[in-house]
C-alpha atoms as a PDB file:
ATOM      1  CA  MET A   1     -20.462 -12.837 -52.562  1.00  0.00           C
ATOM      2  CA  THR A   2     -17.457 -15.744 -52.682  1.00  0.00           C
ATOM      3  CA  SER A   3     -19.240 -19.159 -54.228  1.00  0.00           C
ATOM      4  CA  ALA A   4     -18.699 -21.889 -56.517  1.00  0.00           C
ATOM      5  CA  SER A   5     -16.700 -22.390 -60.020  1.00  0.00           C
ATOM      6  CA  VAL A   6     -17.612 -21.383 -63.338  1.00  0.00           C
ATOM      7  CA  GLU A   7     -17.779 -23.704 -65.866  1.00  0.00           C
ATOM      8  CA  GLY A   8     -15.651 -25.791 -63.579  1.00  0.00           C
ATOM      9  CA  VAL A   9     -12.748 -23.498 -63.846  1.00  0.00           C
ATOM     10  CA  ARG A  10     -12.501 -22.019 -59.980  1.00  0.00           C
ATOM     11  CA  VAL A  11     -11.479 -18.081 -59.420  1.00  0.00           C
ATOM     12  CA  GLY A  12      -9.396 -15.884 -57.579  1.00  0.00           C
ATOM     13  CA  MET A  13      -9.712 -12.415 -57.035  1.00  0.00           C
ATOM     14  CA  VAL A  14      -6.639  -9.968 -55.335  1.00  0.00           C
ATOM     15  CA  ILE A  15      -7.385  -6.495 -54.041  1.00  0.00           C
ATOM     16  CA  PRO A  16      -4.400  -4.637 -53.005  1.00  0.00           C
ATOM     17  CA  ALA A  17      -5.799  -1.750 -51.022  1.00  0.00           C
ATOM     18  CA  PHE A  18      -4.028   0.718 -48.918  1.00  0.00           C
ATOM     19  CA  ASN A  19      -6.232   2.755 -46.316  1.00  0.00           C
ATOM     20  CA  GLU A  20      -9.081   2.351 -48.976  1.00  0.00           C
ATOM     21  CA  GLU A  21     -11.775   2.070 -45.832  1.00  0.00           C
ATOM     22  CA  GLU A  22     -14.244   3.984 -48.293  1.00  0.00           C
ATOM     23  CA  ALA A  23     -14.093   2.323 -51.552  1.00  0.00           C
ATOM     24  CA  LEU A  24     -13.523  -0.922 -49.772  1.00  0.00           C
ATOM     25  CA  PRO A  25     -16.673  -1.033 -49.008  1.00  0.00           C
ATOM     26  CA  LEU A  26     -18.687  -0.143 -52.614  1.00  0.00           C
ATOM     27  CA  VAL A  27     -16.361  -2.560 -54.262  1.00  0.00           C
ATOM     28  CA  LEU A  28     -16.950  -5.959 -52.046  1.00  0.00           C
ATOM     29  CA  GLU A  29     -20.592  -4.480 -52.160  1.00  0.00           C
ATOM     30  CA  GLU A  30     -21.274  -4.675 -55.590  1.00  0.00           C
ATOM     31  CA  LEU A  31     -19.151  -7.985 -56.425  1.00  0.00           C
ATOM     32  CA  PRO A  32     -21.311 -10.220 -58.332  1.00  0.00           C
ATOM     33  CA  GLY A  33     -22.641 -12.912 -56.701  1.00  0.00           C
ATOM     34  CA  GLY A  34     -21.886 -17.313 -57.868  1.00  0.00           C
ATOM     35  CA  ILE A  35     -18.522 -15.725 -59.637  1.00  0.00           C
ATOM     36  CA  LEU A  36     -15.607 -16.061 -56.781  1.00  0.00           C
ATOM     37  CA  SER A  37     -14.485 -19.357 -55.010  1.00  0.00           C
ATOM     38  CA  ARG A  38     -11.971 -16.907 -53.522  1.00  0.00           C
ATOM     39  CA  LEU A  39     -11.211 -13.932 -52.804  1.00  0.00           C
ATOM     40  CA  ILE A  40      -8.089 -11.346 -50.952  1.00  0.00           C
ATOM     41  CA  VAL A  41      -7.844  -8.827 -50.009  1.00  0.00           C
ATOM     42  CA  VAL A  42      -4.220  -8.052 -49.092  1.00  0.00           C
ATOM     43  CA  ASP A  43      -3.603  -4.740 -46.600  1.00  0.00           C
ATOM     44  CA  ASN A  44      -0.406  -2.589 -47.822  1.00  0.00           C
ATOM     45  CA  ALA A  45       0.683  -1.540 -44.507  1.00  0.00           C
ATOM     46  CA  SER A  46      -3.102   0.849 -44.125  1.00  0.00           C
ATOM     47  CA  THR A  47      -3.351   3.104 -41.843  1.00  0.00           C
ATOM     48  CA  ASP A  48      -7.287   2.611 -41.495  1.00  0.00           C
ATOM     49  CA  ASN A  49      -9.619   0.424 -41.096  1.00  0.00           C
ATOM     50  CA  THR A  50      -9.851  -1.037 -44.347  1.00  0.00           C
ATOM     51  CA  ALA A  51      -8.692  -4.635 -42.944  1.00  0.00           C
ATOM     52  CA  GLU A  52     -11.389  -4.771 -40.513  1.00  0.00           C
ATOM     53  CA  LEU A  53     -14.257  -3.034 -42.851  1.00  0.00           C
ATOM     54  CA  ALA A  54     -12.493  -5.917 -46.223  1.00  0.00           C
ATOM     55  CA  LYS A  55     -13.710  -8.716 -42.777  1.00  0.00           C
ATOM     56  CA  GLN A  56     -16.471  -7.468 -42.998  1.00  0.00           C
ATOM     57  CA  GLY A  57     -18.021  -7.157 -46.683  1.00  0.00           C
ATOM     58  CA  GLY A  58     -16.919 -11.377 -46.751  1.00  0.00           C
ATOM     59  CA  ALA A  59     -13.302 -11.425 -47.582  1.00  0.00           C
ATOM     60  CA  GLU A  60      -9.567 -12.565 -46.430  1.00  0.00           C
ATOM     61  CA  VAL A  61      -7.948 -10.429 -45.881  1.00  0.00           C
ATOM     62  CA  VAL A  62      -4.596 -11.239 -46.287  1.00  0.00           C
ATOM     63  CA  TYR A  63      -1.310  -9.393 -44.560  1.00  0.00           C
ATOM     64  CA  GLU A  64       1.221  -7.385 -46.362  1.00  0.00           C
ATOM     65  CA  ALA A  65       3.568  -4.592 -44.537  1.00  0.00           C
ATOM     66  CA  ARG A  66       6.038  -3.821 -47.675  1.00  0.00           C
ATOM     67  CA  ALA A  67       4.753  -1.255 -49.673  1.00  0.00           C
ATOM     68  CA  GLY A  68       4.658  -2.108 -53.584  1.00  0.00           C
ATOM     69  CA  TYR A  69       1.680  -2.486 -55.906  1.00  0.00           C
ATOM     70  CA  GLY A  70       3.386  -5.218 -57.364  1.00  0.00           C
ATOM     71  CA  GLN A  71       4.500  -6.795 -53.958  1.00  0.00           C
ATOM     72  CA  ALA A  72       0.836  -7.281 -52.654  1.00  0.00           C
ATOM     73  CA  CYS A  73      -0.665  -8.002 -56.014  1.00  0.00           C
ATOM     74  CA  LEU A  74       2.829 -11.174 -55.578  1.00  0.00           C
ATOM     75  CA  THR A  75       1.007 -12.200 -51.674  1.00  0.00           C
ATOM     76  CA  GLY A  76      -1.783 -12.239 -52.955  1.00  0.00           C
ATOM     77  CA  ILE A  77      -1.402 -14.630 -55.410  1.00  0.00           C
ATOM     78  CA  ALA A  78       1.026 -17.005 -52.741  1.00  0.00           C
ATOM     79  CA  ALA A  79      -2.590 -16.458 -50.720  1.00  0.00           C
ATOM     80  CA  LEU A  80      -4.770 -18.035 -53.259  1.00  0.00           C
ATOM     81  CA  ARG A  81      -2.100 -20.611 -53.811  1.00  0.00           C
ATOM     82  CA  SER A  82      -2.545 -22.053 -50.383  1.00  0.00           C
ATOM     83  CA  ALA A  83      -5.050 -23.250 -48.848  1.00  0.00           C
ATOM     84  CA  SER A  84      -8.201 -20.998 -47.163  1.00  0.00           C
ATOM     85  CA  ALA A  85      -8.547 -20.771 -43.140  1.00  0.00           C
ATOM     86  CA  SER A  86     -12.136 -22.516 -44.154  1.00  0.00           C
ATOM     87  CA  GLY A  87     -10.680 -25.642 -45.788  1.00  0.00           C
ATOM     88  CA  GLU A  88     -10.745 -24.051 -48.897  1.00  0.00           C
ATOM     89  CA  PRO A  89      -7.952 -25.788 -51.392  1.00  0.00           C
ATOM     90  CA  GLY A  90      -5.541 -23.493 -53.125  1.00  0.00           C
ATOM     91  CA  LEU A  91      -5.785 -22.126 -57.405  1.00  0.00           C
ATOM     92  CA  GLY A  92      -4.554 -24.882 -59.334  1.00  0.00           C
ATOM     93  CA  ALA A  93      -2.641 -24.287 -62.576  1.00  0.00           C
ATOM     94  CA  GLU A  94      -6.138 -24.347 -64.764  1.00  0.00           C
ATOM     95  CA  ASP A  95      -7.846 -21.158 -62.831  1.00  0.00           C
ATOM     96  CA  VAL A  96      -7.972 -17.986 -62.964  1.00  0.00           C
ATOM     97  CA  VAL A  97      -6.917 -14.850 -61.293  1.00  0.00           C
ATOM     98  CA  VAL A  98      -8.325 -11.841 -61.242  1.00  0.00           C
ATOM     99  CA  PHE A  99      -6.913  -8.010 -60.217  1.00  0.00           C
ATOM    100  CA  LEU A 100      -8.700  -5.340 -59.391  1.00  0.00           C
ATOM    101  CA  ASP A 101      -8.426  -1.434 -57.238  1.00  0.00           C
ATOM    102  CA  GLY A 102      -9.590  -1.313 -54.173  1.00  0.00           C
ATOM    103  CA  ASP A 103     -10.253   2.592 -55.233  1.00  0.00           C
ATOM    104  CA  HIS A 104     -13.862   1.695 -56.479  1.00  0.00           C
ATOM    105  CA  SER A 105     -12.724   3.754 -60.222  1.00  0.00           C
ATOM    106  CA  ASP A 106     -13.975   0.113 -61.569  1.00  0.00           C
ATOM    107  CA  PHE A 107     -17.077  -1.115 -62.071  1.00  0.00           C
ATOM    108  CA  PRO A 108     -17.156  -4.638 -60.017  1.00  0.00           C
ATOM    109  CA  ASP A 109     -20.205  -6.108 -62.018  1.00  0.00           C
ATOM    110  CA  ASP A 110     -17.717  -6.511 -65.452  1.00  0.00           C
ATOM    111  CA  LEU A 111     -16.320  -9.169 -64.252  1.00  0.00           C
ATOM    112  CA  ALA A 112     -18.074 -11.876 -66.165  1.00  0.00           C
ATOM    113  CA  VAL A 113     -17.087  -9.220 -69.154  1.00  0.00           C
ATOM    114  CA  VAL A 114     -13.257  -9.402 -67.568  1.00  0.00           C
ATOM    115  CA  LEU A 115     -13.618 -12.960 -67.349  1.00  0.00           C
ATOM    116  CA  GLU A 116     -15.332 -14.202 -70.649  1.00  0.00           C
ATOM    117  CA  PRO A 117     -12.915 -14.564 -72.785  1.00  0.00           C
ATOM    118  CA  ILE A 118     -10.823 -16.854 -70.838  1.00  0.00           C
ATOM    119  CA  LEU A 119     -13.900 -19.009 -70.122  1.00  0.00           C
ATOM    120  CA  THR A 120     -14.014 -19.460 -73.371  1.00  0.00           C
ATOM    121  CA  ASP A 121     -10.851 -20.152 -74.100  1.00  0.00           C
ATOM    122  CA  ARG A 122     -10.597 -17.754 -76.734  1.00  0.00           C
ATOM    123  CA  ALA A 123      -7.596 -15.953 -74.092  1.00  0.00           C
ATOM    124  CA  ASP A 124      -5.007 -16.409 -71.611  1.00  0.00           C
ATOM    125  CA  MET A 125      -4.615 -13.459 -70.116  1.00  0.00           C
ATOM    126  CA  VAL A 126      -7.424 -10.634 -70.351  1.00  0.00           C
ATOM    127  CA  ILE A 127      -6.261  -6.783 -69.840  1.00  0.00           C
ATOM    128  CA  GLY A 128      -9.665  -4.945 -68.989  1.00  0.00           C
ATOM    129  CA  SER A 129      -9.778  -1.237 -70.686  1.00  0.00           C
ATOM    130  CA  ARG A 130     -11.156   1.829 -69.818  1.00  0.00           C
ATOM    131  CA  VAL A 131      -9.733   3.345 -73.318  1.00  0.00           C
ATOM    132  CA  LEU A 132     -11.966   0.900 -74.685  1.00  0.00           C
ATOM    133  CA  GLY A 133     -14.983   1.793 -72.000  1.00  0.00           C
ATOM    134  CA  GLY A 134     -15.064   5.040 -72.626  1.00  0.00           C
ATOM    135  CA  ALA A 135     -13.091   7.184 -69.670  1.00  0.00           C
ATOM    136  CA  THR A 136     -12.625  10.287 -69.712  1.00  0.00           C
ATOM    137  CA  MET A 137     -10.415  12.251 -68.151  1.00  0.00           C
ATOM    138  CA  ASP A 138     -12.333  13.469 -65.549  1.00  0.00           C
ATOM    139  CA  ALA A 139     -12.303   9.738 -64.235  1.00  0.00           C
ATOM    140  CA  LEU A 140      -8.971   8.452 -65.988  1.00  0.00           C
ATOM    141  CA  LEU A 141      -6.514  11.521 -64.888  1.00  0.00           C
ATOM    142  CA  PRO A 142      -4.122  13.973 -68.183  1.00  0.00           C
ATOM    143  CA  GLN A 143      -1.879  12.249 -67.051  1.00  0.00           C
ATOM    144  CA  ALA A 144      -2.742   8.995 -66.695  1.00  0.00           C
ATOM    145  CA  TRP A 145      -4.230   9.008 -70.214  1.00  0.00           C
ATOM    146  CA  PHE A 146      -0.964  10.716 -71.766  1.00  0.00           C
ATOM    147  CA  GLY A 147       1.320   7.477 -69.577  1.00  0.00           C
ATOM    148  CA  ASN A 148      -0.639   5.374 -71.242  1.00  0.00           C
ATOM    149  CA  ARG A 149      -1.208   6.849 -74.340  1.00  0.00           C
ATOM    150  CA  LEU A 150       2.293   6.683 -75.211  1.00  0.00           C
ATOM    151  CA  ALA A 151       3.268   3.366 -73.269  1.00  0.00           C
ATOM    152  CA  CYS A 152       0.769   2.430 -75.297  1.00  0.00           C
ATOM    153  CA  LEU A 153       2.208   3.079 -78.434  1.00  0.00           C
ATOM    154  CA  LEU A 154       5.875   2.378 -77.701  1.00  0.00           C
ATOM    155  CA  LEU A 155       4.813  -1.147 -76.940  1.00  0.00           C
ATOM    156  CA  ARG A 156       3.268  -1.117 -80.830  1.00  0.00           C
ATOM    157  CA  VAL A 157       6.167   0.674 -82.242  1.00  0.00           C
ATOM    158  CA  LEU A 158       8.516  -1.714 -80.067  1.00  0.00           C
ATOM    159  CA  PHE A 159       7.252  -5.226 -79.463  1.00  0.00           C
ATOM    160  CA  GLY A 160       4.759  -5.412 -82.126  1.00  0.00           C
ATOM    161  CA  ALA A 161       1.498  -5.842 -79.322  1.00  0.00           C
ATOM    162  CA  ARG A 162      -1.561  -3.942 -79.664  1.00  0.00           C
ATOM    163  CA  HIS A 163      -3.007  -2.197 -77.020  1.00  0.00           C
ATOM    164  CA  THR A 164      -5.656   1.210 -75.483  1.00  0.00           C
ATOM    165  CA  ASP A 165      -4.911   0.305 -72.110  1.00  0.00           C
ATOM    166  CA  LEU A 166      -2.500  -0.688 -68.561  1.00  0.00           C
ATOM    167  CA  GLY A 167      -5.408  -0.402 -66.688  1.00  0.00           C
ATOM    168  CA  PRO A 168      -5.365  -2.681 -63.711  1.00  0.00           C
ATOM    169  CA  PHE A 169      -8.701  -5.358 -64.335  1.00  0.00           C
ATOM    170  CA  ARG A 170      -7.187  -8.134 -65.938  1.00  0.00           C
ATOM    171  CA  ALA A 171      -8.548 -11.660 -65.548  1.00  0.00           C
ATOM    172  CA  ILE A 172      -4.785 -14.694 -66.696  1.00  0.00           C
ATOM    173  CA  ARG A 173      -5.694 -18.322 -65.759  1.00  0.00           C
ATOM    174  CA  MET A 174      -2.416 -19.330 -63.304  1.00  0.00           C
ATOM    175  CA  ARG A 175      -0.585 -21.440 -64.878  1.00  0.00           C
ATOM    176  CA  ALA A 176       0.089 -18.446 -67.125  1.00  0.00           C
ATOM    177  CA  LEU A 177       1.113 -16.599 -64.293  1.00  0.00           C
ATOM    178  CA  ASP A 178       3.622 -19.049 -63.217  1.00  0.00           C
ATOM    179  CA  HIS A 179       5.142 -18.621 -66.848  1.00  0.00           C
ATOM    180  CA  LEU A 180       5.173 -14.789 -67.055  1.00  0.00           C
ATOM    181  CA  GLY A 181       7.510 -14.895 -63.607  1.00  0.00           C
ATOM    182  CA  MET A 182       6.490 -12.102 -62.284  1.00  0.00           C
ATOM    183  CA  ALA A 183       8.999 -10.288 -60.272  1.00  0.00           C
ATOM    184  CA  ASP A 184       8.081  -5.836 -60.251  1.00  0.00           C
ATOM    185  CA  ARG A 185       7.416  -5.096 -56.605  1.00  0.00           C
ATOM    186  CA  ASP A 186       5.540  -1.597 -57.729  1.00  0.00           C
ATOM    187  CA  PHE A 187       4.614   0.251 -60.425  1.00  0.00           C
ATOM    188  CA  GLY A 188       6.144  -1.030 -62.917  1.00  0.00           C
ATOM    189  CA  TRP A 189       3.253  -4.503 -62.598  1.00  0.00           C
ATOM    190  CA  THR A 190       0.891  -4.175 -65.414  1.00  0.00           C
ATOM    191  CA  ILE A 191       2.848  -3.386 -67.959  1.00  0.00           C
ATOM    192  CA  GLU A 192       5.833  -6.240 -67.042  1.00  0.00           C
ATOM    193  CA  MET A 193       2.790  -8.528 -67.415  1.00  0.00           C
ATOM    194  CA  GLN A 194       1.603  -7.051 -70.880  1.00  0.00           C
ATOM    195  CA  LEU A 195       5.439  -7.081 -72.156  1.00  0.00           C
ATOM    196  CA  LYS A 196       6.479 -10.817 -70.878  1.00  0.00           C
ATOM    197  CA  ALA A 197       3.195 -12.068 -72.021  1.00  0.00           C
ATOM    198  CA  ARG A 198       4.395 -10.667 -75.559  1.00  0.00           C
ATOM    199  CA  THR A 199       7.201 -12.097 -75.569  1.00  0.00           C
ATOM    200  CA  ALA A 200       5.637 -15.641 -74.431  1.00  0.00           C
ATOM    201  CA  ARG A 201       3.259 -14.750 -77.384  1.00  0.00           C
ATOM    202  CA  MET A 202       0.548 -15.464 -75.477  1.00  0.00           C
ATOM    203  CA  ARG A 203      -2.791 -15.176 -76.346  1.00  0.00           C
ATOM    204  CA  VAL A 204      -3.615 -11.956 -74.758  1.00  0.00           C
ATOM    205  CA  VAL A 205      -7.183 -10.039 -75.342  1.00  0.00           C
ATOM    206  CA  GLU A 206      -8.545  -6.791 -74.761  1.00  0.00           C
ATOM    207  CA  VAL A 207     -12.735  -5.964 -73.556  1.00  0.00           C
ATOM    208  CA  PRO A 208     -14.093  -2.430 -72.797  1.00  0.00           C
ATOM    209  CA  VAL A 209     -14.705  -1.595 -69.121  1.00  0.00           C
ATOM    210  CA  ARG A 210     -16.292   1.636 -67.405  1.00  0.00           C
ATOM    211  CA  TYR A 211     -13.700   3.203 -65.357  1.00  0.00           C
ATOM    212  CA  ARG A 212     -15.180   6.463 -63.372  1.00  0.00           C
ATOM    213  CA  GLN A 213     -14.299   8.115 -60.492  1.00  0.00           C
ATOM    214  CA  ARG A 214     -12.594   6.771 -57.483  1.00  0.00           C
ATOM    215  CA  ILE A 215     -12.830   7.743 -54.423  1.00  0.00           C
ATOM    216  CA  GLY A 216      -9.936   9.018 -52.521  1.00  0.00           C
ATOM    217  CA  VAL A 217      -6.506  11.182 -53.920  1.00  0.00           C
ATOM    218  CA  SER A 218      -4.416   8.027 -56.436  1.00  0.00           C
ATOM    219  CA  LYS A 219      -1.525   7.339 -54.098  1.00  0.00           C
ATOM    220  CA  ILE A 220      -0.131   7.133 -58.120  1.00  0.00           C
ATOM    221  CA  THR A 221      -1.448   9.994 -60.264  1.00  0.00           C
ATOM    222  CA  GLY A 222      -2.423  12.387 -57.998  1.00  0.00           C
ATOM    223  CA  THR A 223       0.641  13.052 -56.713  1.00  0.00           C
ATOM    224  CA  TRP A 224       3.780  14.259 -59.306  1.00  0.00           C
ATOM    225  CA  ARG A 225       5.971  12.846 -57.386  1.00  0.00           C
ATOM    226  CA  GLY A 226       4.162   9.490 -58.112  1.00  0.00           C
ATOM    227  CA  THR A 227       2.771   9.892 -61.628  1.00  0.00           C
ATOM    228  CA  LEU A 228       7.133  10.537 -62.450  1.00  0.00           C
ATOM    229  CA  LEU A 229       8.206   7.334 -60.688  1.00  0.00           C
ATOM    230  CA  ALA A 230       4.887   5.429 -62.242  1.00  0.00           C
ATOM    231  CA  ALA A 231       6.591   6.864 -65.684  1.00  0.00           C
ATOM    232  CA  TRP A 232       9.847   6.387 -65.106  1.00  0.00           C
ATOM    233  CA  LYS A 233       9.460   2.488 -64.098  1.00  0.00           C
ATOM    234  CA  ILE A 234       7.055   2.467 -67.089  1.00  0.00           C
ATOM    235  CA  LEU A 235       9.622   3.467 -69.444  1.00  0.00           C
ATOM    236  CA  GLY A 236      12.163   1.780 -68.207  1.00  0.00           C
ATOM    237  CA  TRP A 237      10.599  -1.594 -68.110  1.00  0.00           C
ATOM    238  CA  ILE A 238      10.482  -1.468 -72.048  1.00  0.00           C
ATOM    239  CA  PHE A 239      13.331   0.150 -72.930  1.00  0.00           C
ATOM    240  CA  THR A 240      15.018  -2.634 -70.812  1.00  0.00           C
ATOM    241  CA  TRP A 241      12.757  -5.430 -71.892  1.00  0.00           C
ATOM    242  CA  ARG A 242      13.447  -4.519 -74.888  1.00  0.00           C
ATOM    243  CA  MET A 243      17.645  -4.232 -74.944  1.00  0.00           C
ATOM    244  CA  ARG A 244      17.699  -7.904 -73.133  1.00  0.00           C
ATOM    245  CA  LEU A 245      15.561  -9.535 -75.555  1.00  0.00           C
ATOM    246  CA  ALA A 246      18.057  -8.437 -78.471  1.00  0.00           C
ATOM    247  CA  LEU A 247      20.473  -9.964 -76.294  1.00  0.00           C
ATOM    248  CA  ASN A 248      18.670 -12.759 -75.113  1.00  0.00           C
ATOM    249  CA  PRO A 249      15.549 -13.056 -78.349  1.00  0.00           C
ATOM    250  CA  GLY A 250      14.300 -17.122 -75.851  1.00  0.00           C
ATOM    251  CA  ARG A 251      14.678 -15.186 -72.444  1.00  0.00           C
ATOM    252  CA  ILE A 252      11.162 -16.565 -72.103  1.00  0.00           C
ATOM    253  CA  PRO A 253       9.829 -19.358 -73.626  1.00  0.00           C
ATOM    254  CA  ARG A 254       6.874 -19.551 -76.186  1.00  0.00           C
ATOM    255  CA  PHE A 255       4.159 -20.696 -73.994  1.00  0.00           C
ATOM    256  CA  HIS A 256       1.957 -23.352 -74.883  1.00  0.00           C
END
């Protein structure tokens, strides 16, 4: 499953996982071969067999006791920068990081679609859009659907950014990720990345990805508490970032 470089660029993947013992083995089985140089599953303090099953599926497992989606992503990025236990070198500036959820809602074999705009130098960052991929409300719950539409409308009105989704299946070159200085530790991770990429005038491309009902209950939109906290964080990022830019237009320099 793990393998060599793609056109001279190494690709590393980060899968944040919290209690995904049912879904994660399926995700790992469906990843296409010959693309990934490194595969990191971040066990975010799971209380089930997520970590053991990840190892059995061929992933490097990194433990992160601090809860939060963004925190797990940051931990995974740090692991990709470092050499693996087998001696595989860490990712460099021109290599690519892919983020994928461990709940089996995305289709791992859409990986090549997500990577293509970066590998052909048409993008610095790629967002897999569940909306463009035809996701229904059976899979993308009504609260998530509405939240996405509202957030994308605000991104367009306040920042001129044309997005259809805040989808978690995404890819970005490592040096572009470094430029963004990501900091959010939980629900604001995806919106932070898109806001900062727009501010830096990065080339951001959306591609359609397929989407299905996840296995198990979503830790965010599966509960009203999670939904409200996520909405609060996303809207907070949008309006706070708009004010910050008004006060300091050069907050993030343009990416080259």
